[in-house]
Amino acid sequence: MKNVNVGKEFYHRLANRDKRQGDGRHNAEEFRLRYFKELDNKEAWLDDSVFVILDFADVKVVGPSFANEAFAYFTIYATPEQIKKKILFENISVIDTAIIDTELKAGYDR
């Protein structure tokens, strides 16, 4: 199991979906490939074991498009409940939790 301080190890502003949005840096595709590459297959979702704990203590902003690309992407393999068992969020604000939950419920929109 990995532990990631997202704000320090990746970036404090999670807003860009991909390299074409905003300044294109620190985008959700990059984030997903860096931290969740092993989850990008159906077999990875067959059990409920925790894969990663994401510490959001140093994260200032989570945008819906980032949340959709980074987290809701996995709704192609798993339910929102399964995703939140495998990817745990610590020190995350109520607002950021609501943004991620909304995107997980809506599913991947690409």
PDB file of N, CA and C in Angstrom:
ATOM      1  N   MET A   1       0.853  -1.184   0.000  1.00  0.00           N
ATOM      2  CA  MET A   1       0.000   0.000   0.000  1.00  0.00           C
ATOM      3  C   MET A   1       0.894   1.240   0.000  1.00  0.00           C
ATOM      4  N   LYS A   2       0.525   2.199  -0.830  1.00  0.00           N
ATOM      5  CA  LYS A   2       1.254   3.454  -0.936  1.00  0.00           C
ATOM      6  C   LYS A   2       0.579   4.524  -0.088  1.00  0.00           C
ATOM      7  N   ASN A   3       1.384   5.437   0.410  1.00  0.00           N
ATOM      8  CA  ASN A   3       0.893   6.646   1.070  1.00  0.00           C
ATOM      9  C   ASN A   3       1.443   7.824   0.288  1.00  0.00           C
ATOM     10  N   VAL A   4       0.553   8.717  -0.138  1.00  0.00           N
ATOM     11  CA  VAL A   4       0.965   9.843  -0.964  1.00  0.00           C
ATOM     12  C   VAL A   4       0.465  11.145  -0.356  1.00  0.00           C
ATOM     13  N   ASN A   5       1.385  12.058  -0.073  1.00  0.00           N
ATOM     14  CA  ASN A   5       1.010  13.414   0.303  1.00  0.00           C
ATOM     15  C   ASN A   5       0.839  14.162  -1.019  1.00  0.00           C
ATOM     16  N   VAL A   6      -0.380  14.252  -1.473  1.00  0.00           N
ATOM     17  CA  VAL A   6      -0.681  14.752  -2.808  1.00  0.00           C
ATOM     18  C   VAL A   6      -0.164  16.176  -3.025  1.00  0.00           C
ATOM     19  N   GLY A   7      -0.414  17.057  -2.069  1.00  0.00           N
ATOM     20  CA  GLY A   7       0.000  18.450  -2.224  1.00  0.00           C
ATOM     21  C   GLY A   7       1.494  18.637  -2.309  1.00  0.00           C
ATOM     22  N   LYS A   8       2.251  17.835  -1.610  1.00  0.00           N
ATOM     23  CA  LYS A   8       3.714  17.945  -1.618  1.00  0.00           C
ATOM     24  C   LYS A   8       4.359  17.129  -2.734  1.00  0.00           C
ATOM     25  N   GLU A   9       3.843  15.936  -2.983  1.00  0.00           N
ATOM     26  CA  GLU A   9       4.470  15.049  -3.964  1.00  0.00           C
ATOM     27  C   GLU A   9       3.990  15.297  -5.390  1.00  0.00           C
ATOM     28  N   PHE A  10       2.798  15.848  -5.544  1.00  0.00           N
ATOM     29  CA  PHE A  10       2.277  16.102  -6.891  1.00  0.00           C
ATOM     30  C   PHE A  10       2.075  17.598  -7.109  1.00  0.00           C
ATOM     31  N   TYR A  11       1.057  18.173  -6.496  1.00  0.00           N
ATOM     32  CA  TYR A  11       0.786  19.609  -6.635  1.00  0.00           C
ATOM     33  C   TYR A  11      -0.358  19.969  -5.703  1.00  0.00           C
ATOM     34  N   HIS A  12      -0.411  21.225  -5.311  1.00  0.00           N
ATOM     35  CA  HIS A  12      -1.448  21.670  -4.368  1.00  0.00           C
ATOM     36  C   HIS A  12      -2.750  22.076  -5.054  1.00  0.00           C
ATOM     37  N   ARG A  13      -2.706  22.262  -6.375  1.00  0.00           N
ATOM     38  CA  ARG A  13      -3.896  22.695  -7.108  1.00  0.00           C
ATOM     39  C   ARG A  13      -4.253  21.620  -8.133  1.00  0.00           C
ATOM     40  N   LEU A  14      -5.328  20.891  -7.876  1.00  0.00           N
ATOM     41  CA  LEU A  14      -5.743  19.785  -8.735  1.00  0.00           C
ATOM     42  C   LEU A  14      -6.919  20.252  -9.589  1.00  0.00           C
ATOM     43  N   ALA A  15      -6.591  20.803 -10.746  1.00  0.00           N
ATOM     44  CA  ALA A  15      -7.641  21.425 -11.548  1.00  0.00           C
ATOM     45  C   ALA A  15      -7.664  20.983 -13.006  1.00  0.00           C
ATOM     46  N   ASN A  16      -6.546  20.671 -13.601  1.00  0.00           N
ATOM     47  CA  ASN A  16      -6.493  20.370 -15.037  1.00  0.00           C
ATOM     48  C   ASN A  16      -6.788  18.906 -15.328  1.00  0.00           C
ATOM     49  N   ARG A  17      -7.709  18.667 -16.252  1.00  0.00           N
ATOM     50  CA  ARG A  17      -8.047  17.299 -16.666  1.00  0.00           C
ATOM     51  C   ARG A  17      -6.884  16.668 -17.423  1.00  0.00           C
ATOM     52  N   ASP A  18      -6.355  17.400 -18.374  1.00  0.00           N
ATOM     53  CA  ASP A  18      -5.294  16.876 -19.227  1.00  0.00           C
ATOM     54  C   ASP A  18      -4.393  18.019 -19.654  1.00  0.00           C
ATOM     55  N   LYS A  19      -3.430  17.746 -20.537  1.00  0.00           N
ATOM     56  CA  LYS A  19      -2.464  18.770 -20.935  1.00  0.00           C
ATOM     57  C   LYS A  19      -3.075  19.881 -21.778  1.00  0.00           C
ATOM     58  N   ARG A  20      -4.301  19.707 -22.250  1.00  0.00           N
ATOM     59  CA  ARG A  20      -4.965  20.738 -23.046  1.00  0.00           C
ATOM     60  C   ARG A  20      -5.772  21.721 -22.194  1.00  0.00           C
ATOM     61  N   GLN A  21      -5.959  21.435 -20.932  1.00  0.00           N
ATOM     62  CA  GLN A  21      -6.758  22.305 -20.064  1.00  0.00           C
ATOM     63  C   GLN A  21      -5.842  23.186 -19.215  1.00  0.00           C
ATOM     64  N   GLY A  22      -6.228  24.425 -19.050  1.00  0.00           N
ATOM     65  CA  GLY A  22      -5.447  25.359 -18.243  1.00  0.00           C
ATOM     66  C   GLY A  22      -4.031  25.461 -18.765  1.00  0.00           C
ATOM     67  N   ASP A  23      -3.063  25.428 -17.863  1.00  0.00           N
ATOM     68  CA  ASP A  23      -1.665  25.468 -18.299  1.00  0.00           C
ATOM     69  C   ASP A  23      -1.158  24.077 -18.664  1.00  0.00           C
ATOM     70  N   GLY A  24      -1.998  23.063 -18.481  1.00  0.00           N
ATOM     71  CA  GLY A  24      -1.661  21.701 -18.864  1.00  0.00           C
ATOM     72  C   GLY A  24      -0.757  20.960 -17.911  1.00  0.00           C
ATOM     73  N   ARG A  25      -0.230  21.658 -16.950  1.00  0.00           N
ATOM     74  CA  ARG A  25       0.697  21.033 -15.997  1.00  0.00           C
ATOM     75  C   ARG A  25      -0.055  20.417 -14.834  1.00  0.00           C
ATOM     76  N   HIS A  26       0.557  19.452 -14.207  1.00  0.00           N
ATOM     77  CA  HIS A  26      -0.017  18.795 -13.019  1.00  0.00           C
ATOM     78  C   HIS A  26      -1.455  18.349 -13.281  1.00  0.00           C
ATOM     79  N   ASN A  27      -1.647  17.666 -14.387  1.00  0.00           N
ATOM     80  CA  ASN A  27      -3.007  17.298 -14.785  1.00  0.00           C
ATOM     81  C   ASN A  27      -3.404  15.910 -14.282  1.00  0.00           C
ATOM     82  N   ALA A  28      -4.692  15.633 -14.375  1.00  0.00           N
ATOM     83  CA  ALA A  28      -5.268  14.398 -13.840  1.00  0.00           C
ATOM     84  C   ALA A  28      -4.786  13.153 -14.573  1.00  0.00           C
ATOM     85  N   GLU A  29      -4.583  13.252 -15.873  1.00  0.00           N
ATOM     86  CA  GLU A  29      -4.061  12.084 -16.595  1.00  0.00           C
ATOM     87  C   GLU A  29      -2.677  11.708 -16.064  1.00  0.00           C
ATOM     88  N   GLU A  30      -1.832  12.712 -15.891  1.00  0.00           N
ATOM     89  CA  GLU A  30      -0.497  12.497 -15.341  1.00  0.00           C
ATOM     90  C   GLU A  30      -0.588  11.884 -13.939  1.00  0.00           C
ATOM     91  N   PHE A  31      -1.478  12.430 -13.120  1.00  0.00           N
ATOM     92  CA  PHE A  31      -1.683  11.946 -11.752  1.00  0.00           C
ATOM     93  C   PHE A  31      -2.116  10.487 -11.757  1.00  0.00           C
ATOM     94  N   ARG A  32      -3.113  10.167 -12.581  1.00  0.00           N
ATOM     95  CA  ARG A  32      -3.641   8.805 -12.649  1.00  0.00           C
ATOM     96  C   ARG A  32      -2.566   7.818 -13.099  1.00  0.00           C
ATOM     97  N   LEU A  33      -1.783   8.189 -14.093  1.00  0.00           N
ATOM     98  CA  LEU A  33      -0.725   7.299 -14.572  1.00  0.00           C
ATOM     99  C   LEU A  33       0.395   7.134 -13.549  1.00  0.00           C
ATOM    100  N   ARG A  34       0.700   8.184 -12.815  1.00  0.00           N
ATOM    101  CA  ARG A  34       1.777   8.119 -11.823  1.00  0.00           C
ATOM    102  C   ARG A  34       1.388   7.269 -10.612  1.00  0.00           C
ATOM    103  N   TYR A  35       0.166   7.430 -10.117  1.00  0.00           N
ATOM    104  CA  TYR A  35      -0.211   6.793  -8.861  1.00  0.00           C
ATOM    105  C   TYR A  35      -1.126   5.581  -8.989  1.00  0.00           C
ATOM    106  N   PHE A  36      -1.839   5.457 -10.104  1.00  0.00           N
ATOM    107  CA  PHE A  36      -2.846   4.395 -10.221  1.00  0.00           C
ATOM    108  C   PHE A  36      -2.661   3.490 -11.429  1.00  0.00           C
ATOM    109  N   LYS A  37      -1.514   3.506 -12.047  1.00  0.00           N
ATOM    110  CA  LYS A  37      -1.286   2.729 -13.263  1.00  0.00           C
ATOM    111  C   LYS A  37      -1.699   1.261 -13.091  1.00  0.00           C
ATOM    112  N   GLU A  38      -1.389   0.682 -11.928  1.00  0.00           N
ATOM    113  CA  GLU A  38      -1.704  -0.727 -11.682  1.00  0.00           C
ATOM    114  C   GLU A  38      -3.199  -0.997 -11.555  1.00  0.00           C
ATOM    115  N   LEU A  39      -3.997   0.041 -11.365  1.00  0.00           N
ATOM    116  CA  LEU A  39      -5.454  -0.134 -11.221  1.00  0.00           C
ATOM    117  C   LEU A  39      -6.202  -0.066 -12.551  1.00  0.00           C
ATOM    118  N   ASP A  40      -5.473   0.166 -13.632  1.00  0.00           N
ATOM    119  CA  ASP A  40      -6.118   0.362 -14.925  1.00  0.00           C
ATOM    120  C   ASP A  40      -6.377  -0.966 -15.637  1.00  0.00           C
ATOM    121  N   ASN A  41      -7.080  -1.854 -14.929  1.00  0.00           N
ATOM    122  CA  ASN A  41      -7.512  -3.125 -15.504  1.00  0.00           C
ATOM    123  C   ASN A  41      -8.601  -3.714 -14.597  1.00  0.00           C
ATOM    124  N   LYS A  42      -9.423  -4.529 -15.173  1.00  0.00           N
ATOM    125  CA  LYS A  42     -10.576  -5.091 -14.456  1.00  0.00           C
ATOM    126  C   LYS A  42     -10.160  -5.951 -13.252  1.00  0.00           C
ATOM    127  N   GLU A  43      -9.085  -6.695 -13.385  1.00  0.00           N
ATOM    128  CA  GLU A  43      -8.660  -7.616 -12.329  1.00  0.00           C
ATOM    129  C   GLU A  43      -8.256  -6.885 -11.051  1.00  0.00           C
ATOM    130  N   ALA A  44      -7.733  -5.689 -11.163  1.00  0.00           N
ATOM    131  CA  ALA A  44      -7.286  -4.927  -9.990  1.00  0.00           C
ATOM    132  C   ALA A  44      -8.441  -4.603  -9.045  1.00  0.00           C
ATOM    133  N   TRP A  45      -9.657  -4.639  -9.547  1.00  0.00           N
ATOM    134  CA  TRP A  45     -10.834  -4.248  -8.767  1.00  0.00           C
ATOM    135  C   TRP A  45     -11.606  -5.442  -8.208  1.00  0.00           C
ATOM    136  N   LEU A  46     -11.050  -6.634  -8.307  1.00  0.00           N
ATOM    137  CA  LEU A  46     -11.748  -7.831  -7.846  1.00  0.00           C
ATOM    138  C   LEU A  46     -11.745  -7.983  -6.331  1.00  0.00           C
ATOM    139  N   ASP A  47     -10.854  -7.276  -5.639  1.00  0.00           N
ATOM    140  CA  ASP A  47     -10.851  -7.335  -4.179  1.00  0.00           C
ATOM    141  C   ASP A  47     -10.968  -5.918  -3.622  1.00  0.00           C
ATOM    142  N   ASP A  48     -11.216  -5.835  -2.318  1.00  0.00           N
ATOM    143  CA  ASP A  48     -11.416  -4.535  -1.671  1.00  0.00           C
ATOM    144  C   ASP A  48     -10.182  -4.044  -0.915  1.00  0.00           C
ATOM    145  N   SER A  49      -9.029  -4.629  -1.183  1.00  0.00           N
ATOM    146  CA  SER A  49      -7.835  -4.213  -0.441  1.00  0.00           C
ATOM    147  C   SER A  49      -7.458  -2.764  -0.793  1.00  0.00           C
ATOM    148  N   VAL A  50      -6.942  -2.066   0.205  1.00  0.00           N
ATOM    149  CA  VAL A  50      -6.527  -0.677   0.008  1.00  0.00           C
ATOM    150  C   VAL A  50      -5.276  -0.664  -0.859  1.00  0.00           C
ATOM    151  N   PHE A  51      -5.300   0.138  -1.897  1.00  0.00           N
ATOM    152  CA  PHE A  51      -4.165   0.266  -2.802  1.00  0.00           C
ATOM    153  C   PHE A  51      -3.310   1.477  -2.440  1.00  0.00           C
ATOM    154  N   VAL A  52      -3.976   2.592  -2.105  1.00  0.00           N
ATOM    155  CA  VAL A  52      -3.245   3.826  -1.822  1.00  0.00           C
ATOM    156  C   VAL A  52      -4.037   4.679  -0.829  1.00  0.00           C
ATOM    157  N   ILE A  53      -3.302   5.395   0.011  1.00  0.00           N
ATOM    158  CA  ILE A  53      -3.899   6.411   0.882  1.00  0.00           C
ATOM    159  C   ILE A  53      -3.392   7.754   0.389  1.00  0.00           C
ATOM    160  N   LEU A  54      -4.329   8.618   0.026  1.00  0.00           N
ATOM    161  CA  LEU A  54      -3.990   9.951  -0.466  1.00  0.00           C
ATOM    162  C   LEU A  54      -4.221  10.969   0.641  1.00  0.00           C
ATOM    163  N   ASP A  55      -3.165  11.651   1.041  1.00  0.00           N
ATOM    164  CA  ASP A  55      -3.252  12.692   2.059  1.00  0.00           C
ATOM    165  C   ASP A  55      -3.432  14.037   1.363  1.00  0.00           C
ATOM    166  N   PHE A  56      -4.566  14.668   1.607  1.00  0.00           N
ATOM    167  CA  PHE A  56      -4.917  15.926   0.963  1.00  0.00           C
ATOM    168  C   PHE A  56      -4.651  17.144   1.859  1.00  0.00           C
ATOM    169  N   ALA A  57      -3.871  16.978   2.925  1.00  0.00           N
ATOM    170  CA  ALA A  57      -3.622  18.069   3.866  1.00  0.00           C
ATOM    171  C   ALA A  57      -3.059  19.309   3.182  1.00  0.00           C
ATOM    172  N   ASP A  58      -2.232  19.132   2.166  1.00  0.00           N
ATOM    173  CA  ASP A  58      -1.602  20.267   1.491  1.00  0.00           C
ATOM    174  C   ASP A  58      -2.249  20.614   0.154  1.00  0.00           C
ATOM    175  N   VAL A  59      -3.398  20.037  -0.124  1.00  0.00           N
ATOM    176  CA  VAL A  59      -4.126  20.342  -1.357  1.00  0.00           C
ATOM    177  C   VAL A  59      -5.047  21.530  -1.103  1.00  0.00           C
ATOM    178  N   LYS A  60      -4.983  22.511  -1.990  1.00  0.00           N
ATOM    179  CA  LYS A  60      -5.790  23.731  -1.837  1.00  0.00           C
ATOM    180  C   LYS A  60      -7.067  23.705  -2.673  1.00  0.00           C
ATOM    181  N   VAL A  61      -7.022  23.058  -3.848  1.00  0.00           N
ATOM    182  CA  VAL A  61      -8.157  23.070  -4.776  1.00  0.00           C
ATOM    183  C   VAL A  61      -8.282  21.702  -5.448  1.00  0.00           C
ATOM    184  N   VAL A  62      -9.527  21.217  -5.552  1.00  0.00           N
ATOM    185  CA  VAL A  62      -9.837  20.043  -6.367  1.00  0.00           C
ATOM    186  C   VAL A  62     -10.951  20.447  -7.319  1.00  0.00           C
ATOM    187  N   GLY A  63     -10.667  20.389  -8.596  1.00  0.00           N
ATOM    188  CA  GLY A  63     -11.666  20.739  -9.600  1.00  0.00           C
ATOM    189  C   GLY A  63     -12.421  19.511 -10.082  1.00  0.00           C
ATOM    190  N   PRO A  64     -13.663  19.700 -10.520  1.00  0.00           N
ATOM    191  CA  PRO A  64     -14.464  18.575 -11.000  1.00  0.00           C
ATOM    192  C   PRO A  64     -13.839  17.829 -12.177  1.00  0.00           C
ATOM    193  N   SER A  65     -13.244  18.545 -13.115  1.00  0.00           N
ATOM    194  CA  SER A  65     -12.667  17.845 -14.272  1.00  0.00           C
ATOM    195  C   SER A  65     -11.464  17.006 -13.860  1.00  0.00           C
ATOM    196  N   PHE A  66     -10.680  17.492 -12.907  1.00  0.00           N
ATOM    197  CA  PHE A  66      -9.571  16.700 -12.375  1.00  0.00           C
ATOM    198  C   PHE A  66     -10.120  15.454 -11.683  1.00  0.00           C
ATOM    199  N   ALA A  67     -11.111  15.637 -10.831  1.00  0.00           N
ATOM    200  CA  ALA A  67     -11.694  14.512 -10.092  1.00  0.00           C
ATOM    201  C   ALA A  67     -12.288  13.479 -11.042  1.00  0.00           C
ATOM    202  N   ASN A  68     -12.904  13.950 -12.111  1.00  0.00           N
ATOM    203  CA  ASN A  68     -13.495  13.013 -13.063  1.00  0.00           C
ATOM    204  C   ASN A  68     -12.413  12.189 -13.751  1.00  0.00           C
ATOM    205  N   GLU A  69     -11.386  12.847 -14.227  1.00  0.00           N
ATOM    206  CA  GLU A  69     -10.330  12.138 -14.960  1.00  0.00           C
ATOM    207  C   GLU A  69      -9.461  11.271 -14.052  1.00  0.00           C
ATOM    208  N   ALA A  70      -9.188  11.735 -12.857  1.00  0.00           N
ATOM    209  CA  ALA A  70      -8.298  10.999 -11.952  1.00  0.00           C
ATOM    210  C   ALA A  70      -8.998   9.863 -11.221  1.00  0.00           C
ATOM    211  N   PHE A  71     -10.243  10.070 -10.812  1.00  0.00           N
ATOM    212  CA  PHE A  71     -10.929   9.094  -9.957  1.00  0.00           C
ATOM    213  C   PHE A  71     -12.134   8.440 -10.629  1.00  0.00           C
ATOM    214  N   ALA A  72     -13.012   9.226 -11.225  1.00  0.00           N
ATOM    215  CA  ALA A  72     -14.203   8.651 -11.863  1.00  0.00           C
ATOM    216  C   ALA A  72     -13.839   7.815 -13.077  1.00  0.00           C
ATOM    217  N   TYR A  73     -12.669   8.021 -13.623  1.00  0.00           N
ATOM    218  CA  TYR A  73     -12.167   7.170 -14.710  1.00  0.00           C
ATOM    219  C   TYR A  73     -12.353   5.683 -14.351  1.00  0.00           C
ATOM    220  N   PHE A  74     -12.137   5.338 -13.100  1.00  0.00           N
ATOM    221  CA  PHE A  74     -12.180   3.941 -12.682  1.00  0.00           C
ATOM    222  C   PHE A  74     -13.588   3.378 -12.570  1.00  0.00           C
ATOM    223  N   THR A  75     -14.609   4.203 -12.791  1.00  0.00           N
ATOM    224  CA  THR A  75     -15.975   3.661 -12.822  1.00  0.00           C
ATOM    225  C   THR A  75     -16.182   2.773 -14.043  1.00  0.00           C
ATOM    226  N   ILE A  76     -15.235   2.763 -14.966  1.00  0.00           N
ATOM    227  CA  ILE A  76     -15.320   1.802 -16.075  1.00  0.00           C
ATOM    228  C   ILE A  76     -15.045   0.383 -15.587  1.00  0.00           C
ATOM    229  N   TYR A  77     -14.449   0.266 -14.380  1.00  0.00           N
ATOM    230  CA  TYR A  77     -14.147  -1.031 -13.791  1.00  0.00           C
ATOM    231  C   TYR A  77     -14.899  -1.319 -12.491  1.00  0.00           C
ATOM    232  N   ALA A  78     -15.235  -0.267 -11.749  1.00  0.00           N
ATOM    233  CA  ALA A  78     -15.712  -0.466 -10.375  1.00  0.00           C
ATOM    234  C   ALA A  78     -16.807   0.537 -10.015  1.00  0.00           C
ATOM    235  N   THR A  79     -17.522   0.230  -8.950  1.00  0.00           N
ATOM    236  CA  THR A  79     -18.531   1.156  -8.428  1.00  0.00           C
ATOM    237  C   THR A  79     -17.840   2.249  -7.608  1.00  0.00           C
ATOM    238  N   PRO A  80     -18.521   3.365  -7.380  1.00  0.00           N
ATOM    239  CA  PRO A  80     -17.939   4.403  -6.511  1.00  0.00           C
ATOM    240  C   PRO A  80     -17.541   3.862  -5.138  1.00  0.00           C
ATOM    241  N   GLU A  81     -18.331   2.956  -4.596  1.00  0.00           N
ATOM    242  CA  GLU A  81     -18.028   2.382  -3.289  1.00  0.00           C
ATOM    243  C   GLU A  81     -16.735   1.570  -3.328  1.00  0.00           C
ATOM    244  N   GLN A  82     -16.557   0.782  -4.372  1.00  0.00           N
ATOM    245  CA  GLN A  82     -15.326   0.006  -4.521  1.00  0.00           C
ATOM    246  C   GLN A  82     -14.115   0.920  -4.678  1.00  0.00           C
ATOM    247  N   ILE A  83     -14.284   1.975  -5.430  1.00  0.00           N
ATOM    248  CA  ILE A  83     -13.188   2.920  -5.647  1.00  0.00           C
ATOM    249  C   ILE A  83     -12.758   3.539  -4.325  1.00  0.00           C
ATOM    250  N   LYS A  84     -13.725   3.920  -3.500  1.00  0.00           N
ATOM    251  CA  LYS A  84     -13.394   4.561  -2.223  1.00  0.00           C
ATOM    252  C   LYS A  84     -12.872   3.580  -1.175  1.00  0.00           C
ATOM    253  N   LYS A  85     -12.963   2.290  -1.429  1.00  0.00           N
ATOM    254  CA  LYS A  85     -12.333   1.303  -0.562  1.00  0.00           C
ATOM    255  C   LYS A  85     -10.874   1.075  -0.972  1.00  0.00           C
ATOM    256  N   LYS A  86     -10.605   1.204  -2.235  1.00  0.00           N
ATOM    257  CA  LYS A  86      -9.264   0.956  -2.760  1.00  0.00           C
ATOM    258  C   LYS A  86      -8.398   2.218  -2.709  1.00  0.00           C
ATOM    259  N   ILE A  87      -9.016   3.378  -2.892  1.00  0.00           N
ATOM    260  CA  ILE A  87      -8.320   4.660  -2.831  1.00  0.00           C
ATOM    261  C   ILE A  87      -8.885   5.421  -1.636  1.00  0.00           C
ATOM    262  N   LEU A  88      -8.103   5.529  -0.585  1.00  0.00           N
ATOM    263  CA  LEU A  88      -8.557   6.212   0.627  1.00  0.00           C
ATOM    264  C   LEU A  88      -8.081   7.657   0.631  1.00  0.00           C
ATOM    265  N   PHE A  89      -8.941   8.541   1.115  1.00  0.00           N
ATOM    266  CA  PHE A  89      -8.651   9.969   1.178  1.00  0.00           C
ATOM    267  C   PHE A  89      -8.545  10.385   2.639  1.00  0.00           C
ATOM    268  N   GLU A  90      -7.418  10.998   3.003  1.00  0.00           N
ATOM    269  CA  GLU A  90      -7.212  11.505   4.359  1.00  0.00           C
ATOM    270  C   GLU A  90      -7.054  13.017   4.319  1.00  0.00           C
ATOM    271  N   ASN A  91      -7.438  13.650   5.407  1.00  0.00           N
ATOM    272  CA  ASN A  91      -7.270  15.104   5.559  1.00  0.00           C
ATOM    273  C   ASN A  91      -7.841  15.874   4.371  1.00  0.00           C
ATOM    274  N   ILE A  92      -8.990  15.436   3.928  1.00  0.00           N
ATOM    275  CA  ILE A  92      -9.637  16.062   2.777  1.00  0.00           C
ATOM    276  C   ILE A  92     -10.833  16.878   3.264  1.00  0.00           C
ATOM    277  N   SER A  93     -11.038  18.028   2.670  1.00  0.00           N
ATOM    278  CA  SER A  93     -12.135  18.894   3.096  1.00  0.00           C
ATOM    279  C   SER A  93     -13.483  18.309   2.682  1.00  0.00           C
ATOM    280  N   VAL A  94     -14.518  18.787   3.329  1.00  0.00           N
ATOM    281  CA  VAL A  94     -15.881  18.369   3.000  1.00  0.00           C
ATOM    282  C   VAL A  94     -16.211  18.745   1.558  1.00  0.00           C
ATOM    283  N   ILE A  95     -15.777  19.899   1.132  1.00  0.00           N
ATOM    284  CA  ILE A  95     -16.052  20.357  -0.236  1.00  0.00           C
ATOM    285  C   ILE A  95     -15.340  19.476  -1.256  1.00  0.00           C
ATOM    286  N   ASP A  96     -14.065  19.190  -1.026  1.00  0.00           N
ATOM    287  CA  ASP A  96     -13.328  18.342  -1.961  1.00  0.00           C
ATOM    288  C   ASP A  96     -13.897  16.923  -1.994  1.00  0.00           C
ATOM    289  N   THR A  97     -14.326  16.434  -0.848  1.00  0.00           N
ATOM    290  CA  THR A  97     -14.976  15.123  -0.796  1.00  0.00           C
ATOM    291  C   THR A  97     -16.262  15.145  -1.626  1.00  0.00           C
ATOM    292  N   ALA A  98     -17.026  16.202  -1.500  1.00  0.00           N
ATOM    293  CA  ALA A  98     -18.278  16.321  -2.261  1.00  0.00           C
ATOM    294  C   ALA A  98     -18.009  16.369  -3.763  1.00  0.00           C
ATOM    295  N   ILE A  99     -16.967  17.069  -4.162  1.00  0.00           N
ATOM    296  CA  ILE A  99     -16.616  17.144  -5.590  1.00  0.00           C
ATOM    297  C   ILE A  99     -16.255  15.759  -6.111  1.00  0.00           C
ATOM    298  N   ILE A 100     -15.413  15.047  -5.393  1.00  0.00           N
ATOM    299  CA  ILE A 100     -15.004  13.700  -5.819  1.00  0.00           C
ATOM    300  C   ILE A 100     -16.202  12.757  -5.822  1.00  0.00           C
ATOM    301  N   ASP A 101     -17.028  12.802  -4.777  1.00  0.00           N
ATOM    302  CA  ASP A 101     -18.211  11.936  -4.710  1.00  0.00           C
ATOM    303  C   ASP A 101     -19.186  12.214  -5.852  1.00  0.00           C
ATOM    304  N   THR A 102     -19.365  13.480  -6.166  1.00  0.00           N
ATOM    305  CA  THR A 102     -20.258  13.851  -7.279  1.00  0.00           C
ATOM    306  C   THR A 102     -19.744  13.281  -8.597  1.00  0.00           C
ATOM    307  N   GLU A 103     -18.454  13.391  -8.817  1.00  0.00           N
ATOM    308  CA  GLU A 103     -17.869  12.863 -10.061  1.00  0.00           C
ATOM    309  C   GLU A 103     -17.918  11.336 -10.096  1.00  0.00           C
ATOM    310  N   LEU A 104     -17.670  10.683  -8.979  1.00  0.00           N
ATOM    311  CA  LEU A 104     -17.774   9.221  -8.942  1.00  0.00           C
ATOM    312  C   LEU A 104     -19.189   8.775  -9.238  1.00  0.00           C
ATOM    313  N   LYS A 105     -20.153   9.476  -8.677  1.00  0.00           N
ATOM    314  CA  LYS A 105     -21.568   9.119  -8.900  1.00  0.00           C
ATOM    315  C   LYS A 105     -21.961   9.338 -10.364  1.00  0.00           C
ATOM    316  N   ALA A 106     -21.449  10.403 -10.963  1.00  0.00           N
ATOM    317  CA  ALA A 106     -21.773  10.715 -12.363  1.00  0.00           C
ATOM    318  C   ALA A 106     -21.101   9.740 -13.328  1.00  0.00           C
ATOM    319  N   GLY A 107     -19.965   9.197 -12.937  1.00  0.00           N
ATOM    320  CA  GLY A 107     -19.224   8.285 -13.807  1.00  0.00           C
ATOM    321  C   GLY A 107     -18.258   9.037 -14.697  1.00  0.00           C
ATOM    322  N   TYR A 108     -17.484   8.287 -15.411  1.00  0.00           N
ATOM    323  CA  TYR A 108     -16.443   8.863 -16.272  1.00  0.00           C
ATOM    324  C   TYR A 108     -17.064   9.548 -17.468  1.00  0.00           C
ATOM    325  N   ASP A 109     -16.661  10.772 -17.715  1.00  0.00           N
ATOM    326  CA  ASP A 109     -17.220  11.574 -18.802  1.00  0.00           C
ATOM    327  C   ASP A 109     -16.093  12.019 -19.723  1.00  0.00           C
ATOM    328  N   ARG A 110     -15.838  11.223 -20.712  1.00  0.00           N
ATOM    329  CA  ARG A 110     -14.753  11.600 -21.630  1.00  0.00           C
ATOM    330  C   ARG A 110     -15.225  11.596 -23.027  1.00  0.00           C
TER     331      ARG A 110
END
